[in-house]
Protein backbone atom coordinates (compact mmCIF):
# COMPACT_ATOMS: atom_id res chain seq x y z
CA UNK A 1 -27.08 25.67 41.24
CA UNK A 2 -29.52 22.93 40.36
CA UNK A 3 -26.99 20.23 41.21
CA UNK A 4 -26.55 21.70 44.70
CA UNK A 5 -30.30 21.49 45.23
CA UNK A 6 -30.21 17.87 44.06
CA UNK A 7 -27.38 17.06 46.47
CA UNK A 8 -29.19 18.67 49.42
CA UNK A 9 -32.36 16.79 48.58
CA UNK A 10 -30.47 13.48 48.27
CA UNK A 11 -28.72 14.09 51.59
CA UNK A 12 -31.98 14.87 53.38
CA UNK A 13 -33.66 11.55 52.64
CA UNK A 14 -32.27 8.12 51.75
CA UNK A 15 -35.24 7.46 49.47
CA UNK A 16 -34.17 10.43 47.30
CA UNK A 17 -30.63 9.15 46.68
CA UNK A 18 -31.23 9.19 42.94
CA UNK A 19 -31.02 12.98 43.06
CA UNK A 20 -27.38 12.65 44.09
CA UNK A 21 -26.65 10.61 40.99
CA UNK A 22 -28.49 13.17 38.90
CA UNK A 23 -26.30 15.92 40.39
CA UNK A 24 -23.17 13.91 39.47
CA UNK A 25 -24.53 13.39 35.96
CA UNK A 26 -24.99 17.16 35.62
CA UNK A 27 -21.38 17.79 36.70
CA UNK A 28 -20.06 15.23 34.21
CA UNK A 29 -22.17 16.85 31.50
CA UNK A 30 -20.74 20.26 32.29
CA UNK A 31 -17.21 18.86 32.27
CA UNK A 32 -17.81 17.20 28.90
CA UNK A 33 -19.43 20.28 27.35
CA UNK A 34 -16.72 22.73 28.49
CA UNK A 35 -14.14 21.83 25.80
CA UNK A 36 -16.83 21.93 23.12
CA UNK A 37 -17.92 25.38 24.23
CA UNK A 38 -14.32 26.59 24.17
CA UNK A 39 -13.81 25.11 20.71
CA UNK A 40 -16.82 27.07 19.46
CA UNK A 41 -16.33 30.25 21.46
CA UNK A 42 -12.68 31.04 20.75
CA UNK A 43 -12.96 31.02 16.92
CA UNK A 44 -16.21 33.01 17.17
CA UNK A 45 -14.48 35.68 19.27
CA UNK A 46 -11.58 35.88 16.80
CA UNK A 47 -13.98 36.17 13.88
CA UNK A 48 -15.92 38.93 15.65
CA UNK A 49 -12.70 40.89 16.20
CA UNK A 50 -11.76 40.51 12.53
CA UNK A 51 -15.18 41.70 11.37
CA UNK A 52 -15.02 44.74 13.65
CA UNK A 53 -11.51 45.58 12.44
CA UNK A 54 -12.63 45.21 8.82
CA UNK A 55 -15.60 47.53 9.37
CA UNK A 56 -13.40 50.07 11.13
CA UNK A 57 -10.85 50.12 8.28
CA UNK A 58 -13.51 50.53 5.62
CA UNK A 59 -15.11 48.45 2.92
CA UNK A 60 -12.15 48.54 0.52
CA UNK A 61 -9.68 47.22 3.12
CA UNK A 62 -8.14 43.91 2.15
CA UNK A 63 -6.96 41.32 4.64
CA UNK A 64 -3.30 40.64 4.00
CA UNK A 65 -2.18 37.51 5.73
CA UNK A 66 1.19 35.82 5.66
CA UNK A 67 2.42 35.36 2.11
CA UNK A 68 -0.05 37.89 0.69
CA UNK A 69 2.80 40.18 -0.33
CA UNK A 70 1.90 43.23 1.73
CA UNK A 71 3.17 42.87 5.23
């Protein structure tokens, strides 16, 4: 939203052209941050699901992954 305001302001006056570059900088920042946010968010969502499942099964439930002998 802010970048749109910057683009409108840069388009309105030639002296404010720097706002257009600032809007582009914001878009590049968002594009660069997106993979990082995914890399943090996906494991956090998986961990949250595991914790909820563990709480639902009870405190004495044991996670049995591959090779744990209890599939």
